[in-house]
Amino acid sequence: MYRHLQRRLSESMRAFLQRAYGLNDVNIVIEQPPKIEFGEYALPIAFELALFVEAGRVFHTFTALDTRQVQTVIGAGIRLVVLSQIVAKIDAGLGSEGTVIFAGLHYPF
């Protein structure tokens, strides 16, 4: 039942965007609500794996900016996303200065 409604809504939105704005190949995401069997305790929770590459450096003044001194870090992390608003994360990064573990609780905006 839900999948049928989800498909119809996606088709209607695509048709509207094509007709009104001339947009084709639009990716529309419709989240599936949690199972109602769990009642008020149902929370949409997702686990994500994130791979990242970061680059940066702290300089004392803007004139001291030198791109040859930029440090890079590669790594991976695990995210627990609750209600699409609360993100708990643990990341491990490996750079020229060693390995670092980052942990945090965030509220995306």
C-alpha atoms as a PDB file:
ATOM      1  CA  MET A   1       0.000   0.000   0.000  1.00  0.00           C
ATOM      2  CA  TYR A   2       2.675   2.505   1.034  1.00  0.00           C
ATOM      3  CA  ARG A   3       4.911   1.692  -1.937  1.00  0.00           C
ATOM      4  CA  HIS A   4       1.995   2.292  -4.302  1.00  0.00           C
ATOM      5  CA  LEU A   5       1.305   5.722  -2.744  1.00  0.00           C
ATOM      6  CA  GLN A   6       5.005   6.542  -2.757  1.00  0.00           C
ATOM      7  CA  ARG A   7       5.268   5.710  -6.472  1.00  0.00           C
ATOM      8  CA  ARG A   8       2.142   7.742  -7.347  1.00  0.00           C
ATOM      9  CA  LEU A   9       3.396  10.760  -5.402  1.00  0.00           C
ATOM     10  CA  SER A  10       6.816  10.559  -7.071  1.00  0.00           C
ATOM     11  CA  GLU A  11       5.220  10.340 -10.526  1.00  0.00           C
ATOM     12  CA  SER A  12       2.941  13.299  -9.778  1.00  0.00           C
ATOM     13  CA  MET A  13       5.857  15.410  -8.520  1.00  0.00           C
ATOM     14  CA  ARG A  14       7.992  14.544 -11.562  1.00  0.00           C
ATOM     15  CA  ALA A  15       5.124  15.423 -13.921  1.00  0.00           C
ATOM     16  CA  PHE A  16       4.564  18.758 -12.151  1.00  0.00           C
ATOM     17  CA  LEU A  17       8.265  19.685 -12.207  1.00  0.00           C
ATOM     18  CA  GLN A  18       8.505  18.767 -15.889  1.00  0.00           C
ATOM     19  CA  ARG A  19       5.344  20.690 -16.794  1.00  0.00           C
ATOM     20  CA  ALA A  20       5.957  23.782 -14.640  1.00  0.00           C
ATOM     21  CA  TYR A  21       9.746  24.127 -14.835  1.00  0.00           C
ATOM     22  CA  GLY A  22      10.871  21.885 -17.684  1.00  0.00           C
ATOM     23  CA  LEU A  23      12.942  19.710 -15.342  1.00  0.00           C
ATOM     24  CA  ASN A  24      13.640  16.133 -16.387  1.00  0.00           C
ATOM     25  CA  ASP A  25      15.314  13.248 -14.547  1.00  0.00           C
ATOM     26  CA  VAL A  26      14.551  14.653 -11.110  1.00  0.00           C
ATOM     27  CA  ASN A  27      15.506  12.438  -8.167  1.00  0.00           C
ATOM     28  CA  ILE A  28      12.699  12.565  -5.589  1.00  0.00           C
ATOM     29  CA  VAL A  29      13.238  11.001  -2.177  1.00  0.00           C
ATOM     30  CA  ILE A  30      10.233  10.080  -0.074  1.00  0.00           C
ATOM     31  CA  GLU A  31      11.053   8.624   3.316  1.00  0.00           C
ATOM     32  CA  GLN A  32       9.200   5.610   4.537  1.00  0.00           C
ATOM     33  CA  PRO A  33       7.684   6.126   7.976  1.00  0.00           C
ATOM     34  CA  PRO A  34       8.536   3.702  10.782  1.00  0.00           C
ATOM     35  CA  LYS A  35       6.367   0.661  11.311  1.00  0.00           C
ATOM     36  CA  ILE A  36       3.237   1.545  13.223  1.00  0.00           C
ATOM     37  CA  GLU A  37       3.421  -1.684  15.232  1.00  0.00           C
ATOM     38  CA  PHE A  38       5.987   0.014  17.473  1.00  0.00           C
ATOM     39  CA  GLY A  39       3.568   2.832  18.313  1.00  0.00           C
ATOM     40  CA  GLU A  40       5.037   5.966  19.839  1.00  0.00           C
ATOM     41  CA  TYR A  41       8.420   4.260  20.322  1.00  0.00           C
ATOM     42  CA  ALA A  42       9.023   4.004  16.572  1.00  0.00           C
ATOM     43  CA  LEU A  43      11.963   6.152  15.497  1.00  0.00           C
ATOM     44  CA  PRO A  44      13.413   6.307  12.004  1.00  0.00           C
ATOM     45  CA  ILE A  45      17.046   5.305  12.576  1.00  0.00           C
ATOM     46  CA  ALA A  46      19.715   4.835   9.930  1.00  0.00           C
ATOM     47  CA  PHE A  47      23.317   3.657   9.994  1.00  0.00           C
ATOM     48  CA  GLU A  48      25.659   5.161   7.430  1.00  0.00           C
ATOM     49  CA  LEU A  49      29.228   4.543   6.365  1.00  0.00           C
ATOM     50  CA  ALA A  50      31.066   7.704   5.347  1.00  0.00           C
ATOM     51  CA  LEU A  51      34.369   7.851   3.488  1.00  0.00           C
ATOM     52  CA  PHE A  52      36.123  11.206   3.482  1.00  0.00           C
ATOM     53  CA  VAL A  53      39.128  13.162   2.295  1.00  0.00           C
ATOM     54  CA  GLU A  54      39.878  16.468   3.967  1.00  0.00           C
ATOM     55  CA  ALA A  55      42.552  19.066   3.428  1.00  0.00           C
ATOM     56  CA  GLY A  56      43.470  22.133   5.434  1.00  0.00           C
ATOM     57  CA  ARG A  57      45.943  24.024   7.523  1.00  0.00           C
ATOM     58  CA  VAL A  58      45.916  26.768  10.137  1.00  0.00           C
ATOM     59  CA  PHE A  59      47.884  29.883   9.217  1.00  0.00           C
ATOM     60  CA  HIS A  60      48.670  32.791  11.534  1.00  0.00           C
ATOM     61  CA  THR A  61      47.876  35.427   8.895  1.00  0.00           C
ATOM     62  CA  PHE A  62      46.160  35.422   5.533  1.00  0.00           C
ATOM     63  CA  THR A  63      49.383  36.521   3.842  1.00  0.00           C
ATOM     64  CA  ALA A  64      51.102  33.388   5.198  1.00  0.00           C
ATOM     65  CA  LEU A  65      48.724  31.205   3.190  1.00  0.00           C
ATOM     66  CA  ASP A  66      50.779  28.634   1.306  1.00  0.00           C
ATOM     67  CA  THR A  67      49.056  25.733  -0.445  1.00  0.00           C
ATOM     68  CA  ARG A  68      52.239  23.648  -0.287  1.00  0.00           C
ATOM     69  CA  GLN A  69      51.767  23.352   3.493  1.00  0.00           C
ATOM     70  CA  VAL A  70      48.224  21.960   3.346  1.00  0.00           C
ATOM     71  CA  GLN A  71      47.771  18.666   5.203  1.00  0.00           C
ATOM     72  CA  THR A  72      45.460  15.957   3.877  1.00  0.00           C
ATOM     73  CA  VAL A  73      43.582  13.294   5.803  1.00  0.00           C
ATOM     74  CA  ILE A  74      41.703  10.262   4.491  1.00  0.00           C
ATOM     75  CA  GLY A  75      39.393   8.179   6.583  1.00  0.00           C
ATOM     76  CA  ALA A  76      36.104   6.451   7.228  1.00  0.00           C
ATOM     77  CA  GLY A  77      33.358   6.879   9.740  1.00  0.00           C
ATOM     78  CA  ILE A  78      30.178   5.344  11.034  1.00  0.00           C
ATOM     79  CA  ARG A  79      27.088   7.508  11.516  1.00  0.00           C
ATOM     80  CA  LEU A  80      23.929   6.836  13.488  1.00  0.00           C
ATOM     81  CA  VAL A  81      21.179   9.151  12.238  1.00  0.00           C
ATOM     82  CA  VAL A  82      18.004   9.492  14.316  1.00  0.00           C
ATOM     83  CA  LEU A  83      14.909  11.320  13.068  1.00  0.00           C
ATOM     84  CA  SER A  84      17.002  12.727  10.172  1.00  0.00           C
ATOM     85  CA  GLN A  85      18.129  15.420  12.628  1.00  0.00           C
ATOM     86  CA  ILE A  86      20.498  13.957  15.204  1.00  0.00           C
ATOM     87  CA  VAL A  87      23.791  12.511  13.997  1.00  0.00           C
ATOM     88  CA  ALA A  88      26.173  10.609  16.266  1.00  0.00           C
ATOM     89  CA  LYS A  89      29.472   9.877  14.568  1.00  0.00           C
ATOM     90  CA  ILE A  90      32.795   8.164  15.065  1.00  0.00           C
ATOM     91  CA  ASP A  91      35.433   8.887  12.414  1.00  0.00           C
ATOM     92  CA  ALA A  92      38.968   7.602  12.061  1.00  0.00           C
ATOM     93  CA  GLY A  93      41.372   9.657   9.954  1.00  0.00           C
ATOM     94  CA  LEU A  94      44.896   8.901   8.777  1.00  0.00           C
ATOM     95  CA  GLY A  95      47.207  11.759   7.828  1.00  0.00           C
ATOM     96  CA  SER A  96      50.868  12.673   7.712  1.00  0.00           C
ATOM     97  CA  GLU A  97      50.815  13.503  11.432  1.00  0.00           C
ATOM     98  CA  GLY A  98      49.307  10.161  12.461  1.00  0.00           C
ATOM     99  CA  THR A  99      45.907   8.625  13.132  1.00  0.00           C
ATOM    100  CA  VAL A 100      43.108  10.509  14.859  1.00  0.00           C
ATOM    101  CA  ILE A 101      39.683   9.430  16.112  1.00  0.00           C
ATOM    102  CA  PHE A 102      36.897  12.007  15.956  1.00  0.00           C
ATOM    103  CA  ALA A 103      33.608  11.506  17.817  1.00  0.00           C
ATOM    104  CA  GLY A 104      30.691  13.844  17.990  1.00  0.00           C
ATOM    105  CA  LEU A 105      26.995  14.497  18.273  1.00  0.00           C
ATOM    106  CA  HIS A 106      25.660  16.931  15.682  1.00  0.00           C
ATOM    107  CA  TYR A 107      22.456  18.572  14.541  1.00  0.00           C
ATOM    108  CA  PRO A 108      22.628  19.174  10.775  1.00  0.00           C
ATOM    109  CA  PHE A 109      21.136  22.389   9.478  1.00  0.00           C
END
